[in-house]
Amino acid sequence: MSKRQFRAIGTGGWGRTLGAAVISLIYFFPVLFIILTAFKTRQDALSWPVKFVFAPTLSNFVSVFYRVSVEGGDAEATGFGLYFFNSMFIGGTSVLLALIIGTAAAYGFSRFPLRGNETYLFMILTTRMMPPIIAIIPIFVLFRIFGLSGTYVGIIALYTAFNLPFSIWMVKSFFDDLDRDIEDAARMDGSGEWRVFKKICLPQVYAGLAATFVFAVILTWNEFVFALLLSGTQTRTVPVQIVRTIGGSMGVDWGLLSALETLFIIPVVLVTFALQNQLLRGVTFGTIRR
């Protein structure tokens, strides 16, 4: 390879890297703007033109956890720690349950198809395609009848039910792409169906399970309608608290709101980065035949 060709390839690589960096910055800019606003005072947050150089403050993050009374100057807990725990506990539990049940169901649909299998799968998918606001009235009535309103059991069961169709369809696509010759060989050697599923099929779809887990976590973490109407004071999640923070006699406190949002996105970012390798393999699984 000549020096001219090497330089051309190198220049093209730098150009692609620079282009990817610019596009990434454009997509990340709204998030960066929220994070910067979280460290601004109320005056800096409302200033025009927008200040990108300012004296940072942590007062907004303190206000997330403690509200200072104007009259007496006493600090009162806002309950954000409980709401944050609720979001993590409800979201994590419901997603894990949906993933466990959905994986078993997906394996059954993939390896033991019934007559009218596609019809059943389509019916399962339609429940996920339905807008939540349409189902809120019957769900609200059922919660009242069975005493599930404002309970962890009720909201976890509801989120699990709404995550199941997505989990089944996602994981089934990964099972369908597996080579079945190894499974048939294991069955001929005397392995039972449970052993085939646990030792052969499941390890091959870990990347798909990670991708499904991340997408389901994002969907559940951001859910608002059900959390607003069906959760109670002790089971309220962060999205509901964020909406309750907007407004008031003094208008929107953009610094406080940005601090809430910054803390809210941290768990999702950490989960995504922790599973990014598995996530990349999961979303491209089956596209390249080896």
C-alpha atoms as a PDB file:
ATOM      1  CA  MET A   1       0.000   0.000   0.000  1.00  0.00           C
ATOM      2  CA  SER A   2       1.407   3.376  -1.027  1.00  0.00           C
ATOM      3  CA  LYS A   3       1.772   6.325   1.350  1.00  0.00           C
ATOM      4  CA  ARG A   4      -0.866   8.224  -0.636  1.00  0.00           C
ATOM      5  CA  GLN A   5      -3.406   5.409  -0.174  1.00  0.00           C
ATOM      6  CA  PHE A   6      -2.556   5.168   3.539  1.00  0.00           C
ATOM      7  CA  ARG A   7      -3.033   8.907   3.982  1.00  0.00           C
ATOM      8  CA  ALA A   8      -6.335   8.761   2.085  1.00  0.00           C
ATOM      9  CA  ILE A   9      -7.643   5.993   4.320  1.00  0.00           C
ATOM     10  CA  GLY A  10      -6.438   7.845   7.402  1.00  0.00           C
ATOM     11  CA  THR A  11      -8.085  11.073   6.325  1.00  0.00           C
ATOM     12  CA  GLY A  12     -11.333   9.275   5.608  1.00  0.00           C
ATOM     13  CA  GLY A  13     -11.226   7.629   9.020  1.00  0.00           C
ATOM     14  CA  TRP A  14     -10.697  10.962  10.761  1.00  0.00           C
ATOM     15  CA  GLY A  15     -13.515  12.467   8.719  1.00  0.00           C
ATOM     16  CA  ARG A  16     -15.926   9.711   9.725  1.00  0.00           C
ATOM     17  CA  THR A  17     -14.858  10.040  13.348  1.00  0.00           C
ATOM     18  CA  LEU A  18     -15.389  13.789  13.283  1.00  0.00           C
ATOM     19  CA  GLY A  19     -18.780  13.390  11.603  1.00  0.00           C
ATOM     20  CA  ALA A  20     -19.872  10.801  14.180  1.00  0.00           C
ATOM     21  CA  ALA A  21     -18.709  13.093  16.996  1.00  0.00           C
ATOM     22  CA  VAL A  22     -20.684  16.044  15.621  1.00  0.00           C
ATOM     23  CA  ILE A  23     -23.858  13.971  15.179  1.00  0.00           C
ATOM     24  CA  SER A  24     -23.473  12.492  18.673  1.00  0.00           C
ATOM     25  CA  LEU A  25     -23.043  15.964  20.141  1.00  0.00           C
ATOM     26  CA  ILE A  26     -26.206  17.174  18.390  1.00  0.00           C
ATOM     27  CA  TYR A  27     -28.219  14.276  19.839  1.00  0.00           C
ATOM     28  CA  PHE A  28     -26.631  14.655  23.278  1.00  0.00           C
ATOM     29  CA  PHE A  29     -26.987  18.446  23.441  1.00  0.00           C
ATOM     30  CA  PRO A  30     -30.523  18.458  25.015  1.00  0.00           C
ATOM     31  CA  VAL A  31     -29.302  16.141  27.769  1.00  0.00           C
ATOM     32  CA  LEU A  32     -26.186  18.263  28.257  1.00  0.00           C
ATOM     33  CA  PHE A  33     -28.346  21.383  28.456  1.00  0.00           C
ATOM     34  CA  ILE A  34     -30.483  19.788  31.192  1.00  0.00           C
ATOM     35  CA  ILE A  35     -27.393  18.785  33.174  1.00  0.00           C
ATOM     36  CA  LEU A  36     -25.912  22.280  32.907  1.00  0.00           C
ATOM     37  CA  THR A  37     -29.211  23.881  33.957  1.00  0.00           C
ATOM     38  CA  ALA A  38     -29.268  21.661  37.043  1.00  0.00           C
ATOM     39  CA  PHE A  39     -26.150  23.480  38.286  1.00  0.00           C
ATOM     40  CA  LYS A  40     -27.463  26.987  37.588  1.00  0.00           C
ATOM     41  CA  THR A  41     -29.124  29.435  39.918  1.00  0.00           C
ATOM     42  CA  ARG A  42     -32.671  30.508  39.134  1.00  0.00           C
ATOM     43  CA  GLN A  43     -31.391  33.767  37.644  1.00  0.00           C
ATOM     44  CA  ASP A  44     -28.820  32.012  35.441  1.00  0.00           C
ATOM     45  CA  ALA A  45     -31.402  29.450  34.284  1.00  0.00           C
ATOM     46  CA  LEU A  46     -33.747  32.214  33.099  1.00  0.00           C
ATOM     47  CA  SER A  47     -31.050  34.459  31.608  1.00  0.00           C
ATOM     48  CA  TRP A  48     -31.020  35.327  27.899  1.00  0.00           C
ATOM     49  CA  PRO A  49     -28.877  34.714  25.981  1.00  0.00           C
ATOM     50  CA  VAL A  50     -28.230  31.312  27.492  1.00  0.00           C
ATOM     51  CA  LYS A  51     -25.232  31.145  29.794  1.00  0.00           C
ATOM     52  CA  PHE A  52     -22.819  28.285  29.190  1.00  0.00           C
ATOM     53  CA  VAL A  53     -20.189  29.761  31.521  1.00  0.00           C
ATOM     54  CA  PHE A  54     -21.482  30.335  35.037  1.00  0.00           C
ATOM     55  CA  ALA A  55     -20.735  29.717  38.707  1.00  0.00           C
ATOM     56  CA  PRO A  56     -22.121  26.228  39.445  1.00  0.00           C
ATOM     57  CA  THR A  57     -24.261  25.552  42.494  1.00  0.00           C
ATOM     58  CA  LEU A  58     -25.583  22.414  44.187  1.00  0.00           C
ATOM     59  CA  SER A  59     -28.611  24.136  45.693  1.00  0.00           C
ATOM     60  CA  ASN A  60     -30.968  22.577  43.142  1.00  0.00           C
ATOM     61  CA  PHE A  61     -29.870  19.063  44.094  1.00  0.00           C
ATOM     62  CA  VAL A  62     -30.318  19.903  47.774  1.00  0.00           C
ATOM     63  CA  SER A  63     -33.816  21.191  46.990  1.00  0.00           C
ATOM     64  CA  VAL A  64     -34.629  17.854  45.367  1.00  0.00           C
ATOM     65  CA  PHE A  65     -34.342  16.153  48.768  1.00  0.00           C
ATOM     66  CA  TYR A  66     -35.139  19.020  51.147  1.00  0.00           C
ATOM     67  CA  ARG A  67     -37.591  21.912  50.859  1.00  0.00           C
ATOM     68  CA  VAL A  68     -36.749  24.970  52.946  1.00  0.00           C
ATOM     69  CA  SER A  69     -39.694  26.871  54.419  1.00  0.00           C
ATOM     70  CA  VAL A  70     -39.706  30.564  53.558  1.00  0.00           C
ATOM     71  CA  GLU A  71     -41.317  31.566  56.863  1.00  0.00           C
ATOM     72  CA  GLY A  72     -39.472  29.502  59.446  1.00  0.00           C
ATOM     73  CA  GLY A  73     -36.411  28.475  57.447  1.00  0.00           C
ATOM     74  CA  ASP A  74     -36.871  24.824  58.470  1.00  0.00           C
ATOM     75  CA  ALA A  75     -35.815  22.065  56.081  1.00  0.00           C
ATOM     76  CA  GLU A  76     -38.522  19.539  55.217  1.00  0.00           C
ATOM     77  CA  ALA A  77     -37.875  16.273  53.377  1.00  0.00           C
ATOM     78  CA  THR A  78     -39.523  16.107  49.944  1.00  0.00           C
ATOM     79  CA  GLY A  79     -39.738  12.304  49.859  1.00  0.00           C
ATOM     80  CA  PHE A  80     -37.695  12.048  46.647  1.00  0.00           C
ATOM     81  CA  GLY A  81     -35.652   9.183  48.081  1.00  0.00           C
ATOM     82  CA  LEU A  82     -38.818   7.117  48.461  1.00  0.00           C
ATOM     83  CA  TYR A  83     -40.017   7.988  44.961  1.00  0.00           C
ATOM     84  CA  PHE A  84     -36.630   7.078  43.507  1.00  0.00           C
ATOM     85  CA  PHE A  85     -36.684   3.757  45.364  1.00  0.00           C
ATOM     86  CA  ASN A  86     -40.214   3.118  44.083  1.00  0.00           C
ATOM     87  CA  SER A  87     -39.154   3.686  40.482  1.00  0.00           C
ATOM     88  CA  MET A  88     -36.194   1.321  40.826  1.00  0.00           C
ATOM     89  CA  PHE A  89     -38.070  -1.354  42.774  1.00  0.00           C
ATOM     90  CA  ILE A  90     -41.238  -1.322  40.661  1.00  0.00           C
ATOM     91  CA  GLY A  91     -39.397  -0.996  37.361  1.00  0.00           C
ATOM     92  CA  GLY A  92     -36.713  -3.574  38.126  1.00  0.00           C
ATOM     93  CA  THR A  93     -39.091  -6.163  39.585  1.00  0.00           C
ATOM     94  CA  SER A  94     -41.663  -5.870  36.803  1.00  0.00           C
ATOM     95  CA  VAL A  95     -39.035  -6.062  34.052  1.00  0.00           C
ATOM     96  CA  LEU A  96     -37.355  -9.113  35.612  1.00  0.00           C
ATOM     97  CA  LEU A  97     -40.706 -10.880  35.991  1.00  0.00           C
ATOM     98  CA  ALA A  98     -41.680 -10.031  32.416  1.00  0.00           C
ATOM     99  CA  LEU A  99     -38.300 -11.246  31.158  1.00  0.00           C
ATOM    100  CA  ILE A 100     -38.478 -14.552  33.047  1.00  0.00           C
ATOM    101  CA  ILE A 101     -42.078 -15.323  32.019  1.00  0.00           C
ATOM    102  CA  GLY A 102     -41.555 -13.927  28.516  1.00  0.00           C
ATOM    103  CA  THR A 103     -38.435 -16.039  27.931  1.00  0.00           C
ATOM    104  CA  ALA A 104     -40.269 -19.236  28.867  1.00  0.00           C
ATOM    105  CA  ALA A 105     -43.240 -18.289  26.682  1.00  0.00           C
ATOM    106  CA  ALA A 106     -40.986 -17.272  23.788  1.00  0.00           C
ATOM    107  CA  TYR A 107     -39.191 -20.628  23.911  1.00  0.00           C
ATOM    108  CA  GLY A 108     -42.522 -22.419  23.851  1.00  0.00           C
ATOM    109  CA  PHE A 109     -43.781 -20.398  20.879  1.00  0.00           C
ATOM    110  CA  SER A 110     -40.499 -20.956  19.039  1.00  0.00           C
ATOM    111  CA  ARG A 111     -39.976 -24.667  19.690  1.00  0.00           C
ATOM    112  CA  PHE A 112     -43.536 -25.950  20.197  1.00  0.00           C
ATOM    113  CA  PRO A 113     -45.745 -23.930  17.818  1.00  0.00           C
ATOM    114  CA  LEU A 114     -49.480 -24.449  18.145  1.00  0.00           C
ATOM    115  CA  ARG A 115     -52.084 -24.414  15.414  1.00  0.00           C
ATOM    116  CA  GLY A 116     -52.710 -20.754  14.751  1.00  0.00           C
ATOM    117  CA  ASN A 117     -49.412 -19.783  16.357  1.00  0.00           C
ATOM    118  CA  GLU A 118     -49.125 -16.525  14.405  1.00  0.00           C
ATOM    119  CA  THR A 119     -52.641 -15.534  15.437  1.00  0.00           C
ATOM    120  CA  TYR A 120     -51.811 -16.006  19.108  1.00  0.00           C
ATOM    121  CA  LEU A 121     -48.629 -13.975  18.740  1.00  0.00           C
ATOM    122  CA  PHE A 122     -50.511 -11.213  16.956  1.00  0.00           C
ATOM    123  CA  MET A 123     -53.132 -11.108  19.714  1.00  0.00           C
ATOM    124  CA  ILE A 124     -50.360 -10.839  22.312  1.00  0.00           C
ATOM    125  CA  LEU A 125     -48.709  -8.017  20.401  1.00  0.00           C
ATOM    126  CA  THR A 126     -51.938  -6.019  20.038  1.00  0.00           C
ATOM    127  CA  THR A 127     -52.132  -5.630  23.816  1.00  0.00           C
ATOM    128  CA  ARG A 128     -48.770  -3.820  23.710  1.00  0.00           C
ATOM    129  CA  MET A 129     -49.752  -1.695  20.717  1.00  0.00           C
ATOM    130  CA  MET A 130     -52.856  -0.431  22.501  1.00  0.00           C
ATOM    131  CA  PRO A 131     -52.394   3.077  23.978  1.00  0.00           C
ATOM    132  CA  PRO A 132     -52.461   2.931  27.799  1.00  0.00           C
ATOM    133  CA  ILE A 133     -55.087   5.677  28.049  1.00  0.00           C
ATOM    134  CA  ILE A 134     -57.632   3.399  26.317  1.00  0.00           C
ATOM    135  CA  ALA A 135     -57.287   0.667  28.946  1.00  0.00           C
ATOM    136  CA  ILE A 136     -57.089   2.929  31.964  1.00  0.00           C
ATOM    137  CA  ILE A 137     -60.837   2.856  32.802  1.00  0.00           C
ATOM    138  CA  PRO A 138     -61.266  -0.965  33.061  1.00  0.00           C
ATOM    139  CA  ILE A 139     -57.900  -1.270  34.782  1.00  0.00           C
ATOM    140  CA  PHE A 140     -58.867   1.455  37.260  1.00  0.00           C
ATOM    141  CA  VAL A 141     -62.148  -0.356  38.024  1.00  0.00           C
ATOM    142  CA  LEU A 142     -60.362  -3.690  38.500  1.00  0.00           C
ATOM    143  CA  PHE A 143     -57.836  -2.092  40.833  1.00  0.00           C
ATOM    144  CA  ARG A 144     -60.686  -0.661  42.915  1.00  0.00           C
ATOM    145  CA  ILE A 145     -62.535  -3.988  43.070  1.00  0.00           C
ATOM    146  CA  PHE A 146     -59.485  -6.029  44.120  1.00  0.00           C
ATOM    147  CA  GLY A 147     -58.011  -3.327  46.374  1.00  0.00           C
ATOM    148  CA  LEU A 148     -54.812  -2.947  44.354  1.00  0.00           C
ATOM    149  CA  SER A 149     -54.831   0.846  44.062  1.00  0.00           C
ATOM    150  CA  GLY A 150     -51.755   2.401  45.602  1.00  0.00           C
ATOM    151  CA  THR A 151     -50.042  -0.964  46.230  1.00  0.00           C
ATOM    152  CA  TYR A 152     -46.730  -2.317  44.987  1.00  0.00           C
ATOM    153  CA  VAL A 153     -48.335  -5.601  43.954  1.00  0.00           C
ATOM    154  CA  GLY A 154     -50.873  -3.903  41.720  1.00  0.00           C
ATOM    155  CA  ILE A 155     -48.505  -1.597  39.837  1.00  0.00           C
ATOM    156  CA  ILE A 156     -45.834  -4.309  39.481  1.00  0.00           C
ATOM    157  CA  ALA A 157     -48.391  -6.768  38.109  1.00  0.00           C
ATOM    158  CA  LEU A 158     -49.663  -4.136  35.663  1.00  0.00           C
ATOM    159  CA  TYR A 159     -46.188  -3.232  34.396  1.00  0.00           C
ATOM    160  CA  THR A 160     -45.315  -6.911  34.092  1.00  0.00           C
ATOM    161  CA  ALA A 161     -48.417  -7.546  31.992  1.00  0.00           C
ATOM    162  CA  PHE A 162     -47.634  -4.642  29.662  1.00  0.00           C
ATOM    163  CA  ASN A 163     -43.973  -5.662  29.290  1.00  0.00           C
ATOM    164  CA  LEU A 164     -44.770  -9.310  28.557  1.00  0.00           C
ATOM    165  CA  PRO A 165     -45.813  -8.911  24.866  1.00  0.00           C
ATOM    166  CA  PHE A 166     -42.656  -6.959  24.055  1.00  0.00           C
ATOM    167  CA  SER A 167     -40.480  -9.506  25.895  1.00  0.00           C
ATOM    168  CA  ILE A 168     -42.108 -12.482  24.183  1.00  0.00           C
ATOM    169  CA  TRP A 169     -41.735 -11.056  20.679  1.00  0.00           C
ATOM    170  CA  MET A 170     -38.164  -9.894  21.227  1.00  0.00           C
ATOM    171  CA  VAL A 171     -36.851 -13.086  22.819  1.00  0.00           C
ATOM    172  CA  LYS A 172     -38.732 -15.345  20.381  1.00  0.00           C
ATOM    173  CA  SER A 173     -36.906 -13.724  17.467  1.00  0.00           C
ATOM    174  CA  PHE A 174     -33.580 -14.679  19.082  1.00  0.00           C
ATOM    175  CA  PHE A 175     -34.657 -18.275  19.702  1.00  0.00           C
ATOM    176  CA  ASP A 176     -35.816 -18.542  16.080  1.00  0.00           C
ATOM    177  CA  ASP A 177     -32.329 -17.604  14.832  1.00  0.00           C
ATOM    178  CA  LEU A 178     -30.543 -20.378  16.761  1.00  0.00           C
ATOM    179  CA  ASP A 179     -29.165 -23.416  14.995  1.00  0.00           C
ATOM    180  CA  ARG A 180     -31.344 -26.354  16.048  1.00  0.00           C
ATOM    181  CA  ASP A 181     -28.877 -29.087  15.055  1.00  0.00           C
ATOM    182  CA  ILE A 182     -27.086 -28.813  18.394  1.00  0.00           C
ATOM    183  CA  GLU A 183     -30.396 -29.068  20.244  1.00  0.00           C
ATOM    184  CA  ASP A 184     -31.374 -32.178  18.261  1.00  0.00           C
ATOM    185  CA  ALA A 185     -27.987 -33.743  18.990  1.00  0.00           C
ATOM    186  CA  ALA A 186     -28.425 -33.075  22.707  1.00  0.00           C
ATOM    187  CA  ARG A 187     -31.894 -34.651  22.663  1.00  0.00           C
ATOM    188  CA  MET A 188     -30.506 -37.727  20.908  1.00  0.00           C
ATOM    189  CA  ASP A 189     -27.888 -38.010  23.668  1.00  0.00           C
ATOM    190  CA  GLY A 190     -30.662 -38.158  26.262  1.00  0.00           C
ATOM    191  CA  SER A 191     -30.943 -34.561  27.399  1.00  0.00           C
ATOM    192  CA  GLY A 192     -34.392 -33.471  28.490  1.00  0.00           C
ATOM    193  CA  GLU A 193     -36.139 -30.372  27.185  1.00  0.00           C
ATOM    194  CA  TRP A 194     -35.359 -28.391  30.342  1.00  0.00           C
ATOM    195  CA  ARG A 195     -31.650 -29.185  30.038  1.00  0.00           C
ATOM    196  CA  VAL A 196     -31.648 -28.246  26.353  1.00  0.00           C
ATOM    197  CA  PHE A 197     -33.299 -24.948  27.186  1.00  0.00           C
ATOM    198  CA  LYS A 198     -31.043 -24.169  30.162  1.00  0.00           C
ATOM    199  CA  LYS A 199     -27.663 -25.406  28.909  1.00  0.00           C
ATOM    200  CA  ILE A 200     -27.852 -24.878  25.147  1.00  0.00           C
ATOM    201  CA  CYS A 201     -30.468 -22.306  24.132  1.00  0.00           C
ATOM    202  CA  LEU A 202     -30.390 -19.848  27.021  1.00  0.00           C
ATOM    203  CA  PRO A 203     -26.603 -19.142  26.968  1.00  0.00           C
ATOM    204  CA  GLN A 204     -26.817 -18.316  23.258  1.00  0.00           C
ATOM    205  CA  VAL A 205     -29.476 -15.604  23.724  1.00  0.00           C
ATOM    206  CA  TYR A 206     -27.911 -13.712  26.650  1.00  0.00           C
ATOM    207  CA  ALA A 207     -27.248 -10.778  24.331  1.00  0.00           C
ATOM    208  CA  GLY A 208     -30.878 -10.770  23.259  1.00  0.00           C
ATOM    209  CA  LEU A 209     -32.046 -10.919  26.860  1.00  0.00           C
ATOM    210  CA  ALA A 210     -29.812  -7.958  27.710  1.00  0.00           C
ATOM    211  CA  ALA A 211     -31.220  -5.937  24.801  1.00  0.00           C
ATOM    212  CA  THR A 212     -34.782  -6.806  25.803  1.00  0.00           C
ATOM    213  CA  PHE A 213     -34.019  -5.893  29.412  1.00  0.00           C
ATOM    214  CA  VAL A 214     -32.646  -2.457  28.473  1.00  0.00           C
ATOM    215  CA  PHE A 215     -35.583  -1.571  26.215  1.00  0.00           C
ATOM    216  CA  ALA A 216     -38.116  -2.792  28.779  1.00  0.00           C
ATOM    217  CA  VAL A 217     -36.388  -0.812  31.555  1.00  0.00           C
ATOM    218  CA  ILE A 218     -36.549   2.370  29.471  1.00  0.00           C
ATOM    219  CA  LEU A 219     -40.247   1.859  28.702  1.00  0.00           C
ATOM    220  CA  THR A 220     -41.100   1.153  32.340  1.00  0.00           C
ATOM    221  CA  TRP A 221     -38.823   3.840  33.791  1.00  0.00           C
ATOM    222  CA  ASN A 222     -40.559   6.560  31.755  1.00  0.00           C
ATOM    223  CA  GLU A 223     -44.150   5.351  32.247  1.00  0.00           C
ATOM    224  CA  PHE A 224     -46.409   8.092  33.589  1.00  0.00           C
ATOM    225  CA  VAL A 225     -50.156   7.502  33.014  1.00  0.00           C
ATOM    226  CA  PHE A 226     -50.562   4.356  35.118  1.00  0.00           C
ATOM    227  CA  ALA A 227     -48.210   5.661  37.799  1.00  0.00           C
ATOM    228  CA  LEU A 228     -50.212   8.881  38.060  1.00  0.00           C
ATOM    229  CA  LEU A 229     -53.661   7.280  38.326  1.00  0.00           C
ATOM    230  CA  LEU A 230     -52.955   3.991  40.085  1.00  0.00           C
ATOM    231  CA  SER A 231     -50.110   4.675  42.520  1.00  0.00           C
ATOM    232  CA  GLY A 232     -50.523   6.087  46.007  1.00  0.00           C
ATOM    233  CA  THR A 233     -48.524   8.413  48.206  1.00  0.00           C
ATOM    234  CA  GLN A 234     -46.161   5.630  49.271  1.00  0.00           C
ATOM    235  CA  THR A 235     -45.851   4.053  45.810  1.00  0.00           C
ATOM    236  CA  ARG A 236     -45.478   7.217  43.731  1.00  0.00           C
ATOM    237  CA  THR A 237     -42.692   7.138  41.148  1.00  0.00           C
ATOM    238  CA  VAL A 238     -40.323   9.846  39.969  1.00  0.00           C
ATOM    239  CA  PRO A 239     -42.189  10.804  36.735  1.00  0.00           C
ATOM    240  CA  VAL A 240     -45.256  11.684  38.801  1.00  0.00           C
ATOM    241  CA  GLN A 241     -43.142  13.744  41.194  1.00  0.00           C
ATOM    242  CA  ILE A 242     -41.506  15.591  38.300  1.00  0.00           C
ATOM    243  CA  VAL A 243     -44.905  16.674  36.996  1.00  0.00           C
ATOM    244  CA  ARG A 244     -45.976  17.766  40.480  1.00  0.00           C
ATOM    245  CA  THR A 245     -42.847  19.932  40.647  1.00  0.00           C
ATOM    246  CA  ILE A 246     -43.858  21.917  37.551  1.00  0.00           C
ATOM    247  CA  GLY A 247     -45.881  25.040  38.218  1.00  0.00           C
ATOM    248  CA  GLY A 248     -46.654  26.813  41.449  1.00  0.00           C
ATOM    249  CA  SER A 249     -47.089  30.441  42.387  1.00  0.00           C
ATOM    250  CA  MET A 250     -43.459  31.238  41.539  1.00  0.00           C
ATOM    251  CA  GLY A 251     -43.605  29.592  38.098  1.00  0.00           C
ATOM    252  CA  VAL A 252     -41.430  26.741  36.893  1.00  0.00           C
ATOM    253  CA  ASP A 253     -38.167  26.328  38.778  1.00  0.00           C
ATOM    254  CA  TRP A 254     -36.074  25.131  35.841  1.00  0.00           C
ATOM    255  CA  GLY A 255     -33.006  24.465  37.954  1.00  0.00           C
ATOM    256  CA  LEU A 256     -34.907  22.195  40.346  1.00  0.00           C
ATOM    257  CA  LEU A 257     -36.686  20.478  37.463  1.00  0.00           C
ATOM    258  CA  SER A 258     -33.385  19.888  35.648  1.00  0.00           C
ATOM    259  CA  ALA A 259     -31.820  18.479  38.839  1.00  0.00           C
ATOM    260  CA  LEU A 260     -34.724  16.030  39.144  1.00  0.00           C
ATOM    261  CA  GLU A 261     -34.334  14.961  35.529  1.00  0.00           C
ATOM    262  CA  THR A 262     -30.559  14.617  35.859  1.00  0.00           C
ATOM    263  CA  LEU A 263     -30.903  12.270  38.823  1.00  0.00           C
ATOM    264  CA  PHE A 264     -33.693  10.422  37.044  1.00  0.00           C
ATOM    265  CA  ILE A 265     -31.672   9.553  33.940  1.00  0.00           C
ATOM    266  CA  ILE A 266     -28.591   8.324  35.812  1.00  0.00           C
ATOM    267  CA  PRO A 267     -29.813   4.718  36.452  1.00  0.00           C
ATOM    268  CA  VAL A 268     -30.878   4.222  32.822  1.00  0.00           C
ATOM    269  CA  VAL A 269     -27.546   5.574  31.568  1.00  0.00           C
ATOM    270  CA  LEU A 270     -25.617   3.280  33.937  1.00  0.00           C
ATOM    271  CA  VAL A 271     -27.633   0.212  32.909  1.00  0.00           C
ATOM    272  CA  THR A 272     -27.199   1.012  29.222  1.00  0.00           C
ATOM    273  CA  PHE A 273     -23.435   1.513  29.548  1.00  0.00           C
ATOM    274  CA  ALA A 274     -23.049  -1.630  31.651  1.00  0.00           C
ATOM    275  CA  LEU A 275     -24.843  -3.712  29.010  1.00  0.00           C
ATOM    276  CA  GLN A 276     -23.711  -1.807  25.919  1.00  0.00           C
ATOM    277  CA  ASN A 277     -21.664  -4.704  24.497  1.00  0.00           C
ATOM    278  CA  GLN A 278     -24.508  -7.156  24.990  1.00  0.00           C
ATOM    279  CA  LEU A 279     -26.963  -4.570  23.703  1.00  0.00           C
ATOM    280  CA  LEU A 280     -25.018  -4.123  20.452  1.00  0.00           C
ATOM    281  CA  ARG A 281     -24.835  -7.881  19.943  1.00  0.00           C
ATOM    282  CA  GLY A 282     -28.507  -8.228  20.786  1.00  0.00           C
ATOM    283  CA  VAL A 283     -29.836  -5.689  18.294  1.00  0.00           C
ATOM    284  CA  THR A 284     -27.658  -7.176  15.513  1.00  0.00           C
ATOM    285  CA  PHE A 285     -28.271 -10.825  16.426  1.00  0.00           C
ATOM    286  CA  GLY A 286     -29.111 -12.953  13.411  1.00  0.00           C
ATOM    287  CA  THR A 287     -28.160 -10.338  10.827  1.00  0.00           C
ATOM    288  CA  ILE A 288     -24.832 -12.041  10.058  1.00  0.00           C
ATOM    289  CA  ARG A 289     -24.681 -15.750   9.398  1.00  0.00           C
ATOM    290  CA  ARG A 290     -21.510 -17.477  10.523  1.00  0.00           C
END
